[in-house]
């Protein structure tokens, strides 16, 4: 990042004063070029009209004017090419900074959402564990559930999506296996239980889902005692 900052400070495409100075030099060259052409025309025209003059009879002066015109043309072409290069560099600089700005905004958004995920977990935990028995308890239950719903809708608008890991094939890029359970009811490698829900922001994984994964059934005699158990990994 430091190298990029130093490069930007010396990049003519990112310096408006350098561009203005270049344009002023181009304008000065245009004026000089017109003056030389007018002087050349004034010198050559009498010779074409047949009236004769000292200027028209001096081939050295005409050759010198032609050299000046050719030199100014070369300078104008060089300035035009330089202007196009600076414009292209400036466009690349603009696109690069715009991309970096978007990436930074996404990074900040993701980091903020990660801090909010435990709050979402607590709301979901309360919804599954608290069973209101009275009308007053139901009123409180509906109240905090409305807050939870508002929080979830806000996260969705930000582009956050919850993973639905249960029943899916285990993917180490999305899931974190904390237990393996030998079973014949599910194919090997399938997610059979989700302990902690995972979340994504676009393609970025904000939190891996913590899951239990199906393992092949244990049929060996040495493992008969542990046939129904679940072993952690």
Protein backbone atom coordinates (compact mmCIF):
# COMPACT_ATOMS: atom_id res chain seq x y z
CA UNK A 1 0.00 0.00 0.00
CA UNK A 2 2.88 2.39 0.80
CA UNK A 3 4.44 1.69 -2.60
CA UNK A 4 1.13 2.51 -4.27
CA UNK A 5 0.94 5.83 -2.41
CA UNK A 6 4.46 6.84 -3.46
CA UNK A 7 3.72 5.78 -7.01
CA UNK A 8 0.55 7.88 -7.07
CA UNK A 9 2.45 10.96 -5.88
CA UNK A 10 4.79 10.76 -8.89
CA UNK A 11 2.19 9.54 -11.39
CA UNK A 12 1.45 12.38 -13.90
CA UNK A 13 -1.95 10.85 -14.57
CA UNK A 14 -2.97 11.54 -10.97
CA UNK A 15 -1.61 15.14 -10.97
CA UNK A 16 -4.10 17.65 -12.48
CA UNK A 17 -1.44 20.40 -12.47
CA UNK A 18 0.84 18.29 -14.66
CA UNK A 19 -2.00 17.74 -17.14
CA UNK A 20 -2.82 21.47 -17.23
CA UNK A 21 0.85 22.31 -17.77
CA UNK A 22 0.99 19.85 -20.65
CA UNK A 23 -2.08 21.39 -22.27
CA UNK A 24 -0.62 24.89 -21.93
CA UNK A 25 2.56 23.72 -23.65
CA UNK A 26 0.46 22.22 -26.45
CA UNK A 27 -1.34 25.54 -26.90
CA UNK A 28 2.00 27.39 -27.08
CA UNK A 29 3.23 24.97 -29.71
CA UNK A 30 0.07 25.54 -31.77
CA UNK A 31 0.68 29.30 -31.74
CA UNK A 32 4.33 28.94 -32.74
CA UNK A 33 3.37 26.56 -35.51
CA UNK A 34 0.81 29.01 -36.94
CA UNK A 35 3.30 31.90 -36.79
CA UNK A 36 5.92 29.91 -38.67
CA UNK A 37 3.40 28.83 -41.33
CA UNK A 38 2.28 32.45 -41.83
CA UNK A 39 5.88 33.60 -42.09
CA UNK A 40 6.64 30.86 -44.59
CA UNK A 41 3.57 31.76 -46.65
CA UNK A 42 4.52 35.44 -46.66
CA UNK A 43 7.98 34.55 -47.92
CA UNK A 44 6.95 32.05 -50.57
CA UNK A 45 3.83 33.78 -51.98
CA UNK A 46 5.71 36.66 -53.72
CA UNK A 47 7.83 34.12 -55.56
CA UNK A 48 4.70 32.34 -56.80
CA UNK A 49 3.23 35.69 -57.92
CA UNK A 50 6.33 36.57 -59.85
CA UNK A 51 6.88 39.95 -58.18
CA UNK A 52 10.18 38.94 -56.60
CA UNK A 53 11.55 39.81 -53.16
CA UNK A 54 14.65 39.27 -51.10
CA UNK A 55 12.88 36.71 -48.93
CA UNK A 56 11.64 34.62 -51.87
CA UNK A 57 15.07 34.47 -53.45
CA UNK A 58 16.72 33.11 -50.33
CA UNK A 59 16.58 29.30 -50.44
CA UNK A 60 18.37 29.09 -47.09
CA UNK A 61 15.54 30.97 -45.38
CA UNK A 62 12.89 28.75 -46.97
CA UNK A 63 14.80 25.61 -45.97
CA UNK A 64 15.16 26.92 -42.41
CA UNK A 65 11.41 27.61 -42.20
CA UNK A 66 10.64 24.14 -43.51
CA UNK A 67 12.92 22.63 -40.86
CA UNK A 68 11.15 24.64 -38.16
CA UNK A 69 7.73 23.51 -39.42
CA UNK A 70 8.87 19.89 -39.49
CA UNK A 71 10.30 20.19 -35.99
CA UNK A 72 7.11 21.73 -34.63
CA UNK A 73 5.03 19.03 -36.27
CA UNK A 74 7.18 16.37 -34.61
CA UNK A 75 6.80 18.11 -31.23
CA UNK A 76 3.03 18.32 -31.68
CA UNK A 77 2.81 14.62 -32.50
CA UNK A 78 4.96 13.79 -29.48
CA UNK A 79 2.74 15.94 -27.25
CA UNK A 80 -0.40 14.33 -28.65
CA UNK A 81 0.98 10.85 -27.98
CA UNK A 82 2.03 11.88 -24.48
CA UNK A 83 -1.43 13.32 -23.82
CA UNK A 84 -3.06 10.05 -24.90
CA UNK A 85 -0.71 8.02 -22.69
CA UNK A 86 -1.47 10.24 -19.69
CA UNK A 87 -5.22 9.95 -20.36
CA UNK A 88 -4.91 6.14 -20.52
CA UNK A 89 -2.83 6.07 -17.33
CA UNK A 90 -5.35 8.27 -15.57
CA UNK A 91 -8.23 6.00 -16.62
CA UNK A 92 -6.34 2.95 -15.30
CA UNK A 93 -5.62 4.82 -12.07
CA UNK A 94 -9.29 5.73 -11.71
CA UNK A 95 -10.41 2.12 -12.25
CA UNK A 96 -7.78 0.79 -9.83
CA UNK A 97 -8.71 3.20 -7.04
CA UNK A 98 -12.42 2.53 -7.61
CA UNK A 99 -11.81 -1.22 -7.29
CA UNK A 100 -9.73 -0.76 -4.15
CA UNK A 101 -12.47 1.41 -2.66
CA UNK A 102 -15.11 -1.26 -3.34
CA UNK A 103 -12.92 -4.00 -1.87
CA UNK A 104 -12.28 -1.93 1.25
CA UNK A 105 -16.00 -1.25 1.69
CA UNK A 106 -16.76 -4.98 1.36
CA UNK A 107 -14.03 -5.83 3.87
CA UNK A 108 -15.39 -3.34 6.42
CA UNK A 109 -18.95 -4.57 5.88
CA UNK A 110 -17.90 -8.20 6.36
CA UNK A 111 -15.93 -7.45 9.53
CA UNK A 112 -18.91 -5.59 10.99
CA UNK A 113 -21.33 -8.44 10.22
CA UNK A 114 -18.97 -10.96 11.84
CA UNK A 115 -19.27 -9.02 15.11
CA UNK A 116 -23.09 -9.18 14.86
CA UNK A 117 -23.33 -12.93 14.25
CA UNK A 118 -23.21 -13.88 17.97
CA UNK A 119 -26.25 -11.63 18.48
CA UNK A 120 -28.11 -13.55 15.79
CA UNK A 121 -27.08 -16.83 17.45
CA UNK A 122 -28.49 -15.69 20.78
CA UNK A 123 -31.81 -14.72 19.22
CA UNK A 124 -32.08 -18.13 17.52
CA UNK A 125 -31.08 -19.91 20.72
CA UNK A 126 -33.76 -18.06 22.66
CA UNK A 127 -36.40 -18.85 20.05
CA UNK A 128 -35.66 -22.57 20.24
CA UNK A 129 -35.29 -22.87 24.02
CA UNK A 130 -37.78 -20.43 25.51
CA UNK A 131 -41.37 -21.68 25.51
CA UNK A 132 -43.74 -18.93 26.70
CA UNK A 133 -46.56 -20.19 28.91
CA UNK A 134 -48.55 -17.08 29.73
CA UNK A 135 -49.91 -14.20 27.70
CA UNK A 136 -47.34 -11.85 29.22
CA UNK A 137 -44.50 -14.19 28.30
CA UNK A 138 -45.91 -14.50 24.78
CA UNK A 139 -45.94 -10.71 24.47
CA UNK A 140 -42.27 -10.53 25.46
CA UNK A 141 -41.47 -13.43 23.13
CA UNK A 142 -43.11 -11.72 20.15
CA UNK A 143 -41.36 -8.45 21.02
CA UNK A 144 -37.79 -9.76 20.87
CA UNK A 145 -38.62 -11.97 17.91
CA UNK A 146 -39.68 -8.88 15.96
CA UNK A 147 -36.26 -7.36 16.72
CA UNK A 148 -34.62 -10.59 15.54
CA UNK A 149 -36.64 -10.51 12.32
CA UNK A 150 -35.62 -6.90 11.67
CA UNK A 151 -31.96 -7.80 12.24
CA UNK A 152 -32.14 -10.74 9.81
CA UNK A 153 -33.82 -8.62 7.12
CA UNK A 154 -31.11 -5.97 7.51
CA UNK A 155 -28.38 -8.57 7.04
CA UNK A 156 -30.12 -9.87 3.91
CA UNK A 157 -30.20 -6.35 2.44
CA UNK A 158 -26.45 -6.15 3.04
CA UNK A 159 -25.98 -9.32 0.99
CA UNK A 160 -25.50 -11.75 3.89
CA UNK A 161 -26.85 -15.27 3.41
CA UNK A 162 -27.07 -18.17 5.84
CA UNK A 163 -25.71 -21.58 4.85
CA UNK A 164 -28.04 -24.56 4.90
CA UNK A 165 -25.48 -27.24 5.63
CA UNK A 166 -27.65 -30.11 6.88
CA UNK A 167 -28.14 -32.75 4.20
CA UNK A 168 -25.40 -31.30 2.01
CA UNK A 169 -22.11 -32.94 1.15
CA UNK A 170 -19.29 -31.83 3.43
CA UNK A 171 -17.30 -28.99 1.89
CA UNK A 172 -14.15 -27.90 3.75
CA UNK A 173 -14.43 -24.46 2.16
CA UNK A 174 -17.83 -23.92 3.81
CA UNK A 175 -18.01 -26.35 6.73
CA UNK A 176 -15.96 -27.23 9.78
CA UNK A 177 -16.38 -30.84 10.93
CA UNK A 178 -16.35 -31.06 14.71
CA UNK A 179 -17.78 -34.60 14.95
CA UNK A 180 -18.06 -37.75 12.87
CA UNK A 181 -20.78 -40.31 13.44
CA UNK A 182 -20.73 -43.83 11.95
CA UNK A 183 -24.10 -44.42 10.34
CA UNK A 184 -25.75 -46.40 7.57
CA UNK A 185 -28.65 -43.95 7.25
CA UNK A 186 -26.63 -41.27 5.45
CA UNK A 187 -23.99 -41.44 2.74
CA UNK A 188 -20.41 -41.03 3.86
CA UNK A 189 -19.35 -37.38 3.99
CA UNK A 190 -22.88 -36.00 4.29
CA UNK A 191 -23.64 -33.33 6.89
CA UNK A 192 -26.15 -34.89 9.30
CA UNK A 193 -26.34 -32.12 11.91
CA UNK A 194 -25.51 -28.43 12.12
CA UNK A 195 -24.29 -27.12 15.48
CA UNK A 196 -23.44 -23.54 14.49
CA UNK A 197 -24.82 -21.94 11.35
CA UNK A 198 -22.43 -20.56 8.78
CA UNK A 199 -22.80 -17.28 6.90
CA UNK A 200 -21.55 -15.78 3.64
CA UNK A 201 -21.27 -12.28 2.24
CA UNK A 202 -21.37 -12.80 -1.49
CA UNK A 203 -18.55 -15.26 -2.19
CA UNK A 204 -16.76 -14.51 1.08
CA UNK A 205 -17.25 -16.96 3.95
CA UNK A 206 -17.87 -14.94 7.12
CA UNK A 207 -18.13 -18.00 9.35
CA UNK A 208 -17.83 -21.70 8.61
CA UNK A 209 -20.72 -23.90 9.66
CA UNK A 210 -19.80 -26.27 12.51
CA UNK A 211 -21.27 -29.65 11.62
CA UNK A 212 -21.42 -33.38 12.31
CA UNK A 213 -20.43 -35.53 9.34
CA UNK A 214 -21.55 -39.08 8.50
CA UNK A 215 -18.88 -41.78 8.60
CA UNK A 216 -19.06 -45.43 7.42
CA UNK A 217 -20.70 -47.79 9.93
CA UNK A 218 -18.29 -49.64 12.18
CA UNK A 219 -18.65 -53.40 11.56
CA UNK A 220 -15.36 -54.64 12.98
CA UNK A 221 -15.61 -56.73 16.22
CA UNK A 222 -13.03 -54.56 17.99
CA UNK A 223 -15.27 -51.54 17.52
CA UNK A 224 -18.59 -53.18 18.47
CA UNK A 225 -18.77 -51.41 21.83
CA UNK A 226 -18.47 -48.02 20.20
CA UNK A 227 -20.85 -48.80 17.36
CA UNK A 228 -23.48 -46.27 18.35
CA UNK A 229 -21.21 -43.57 19.70
CA UNK A 230 -20.16 -40.28 18.09
CA UNK A 231 -16.45 -39.48 18.14
CA UNK A 232 -15.08 -35.96 17.89
CA UNK A 233 -12.46 -34.95 15.35
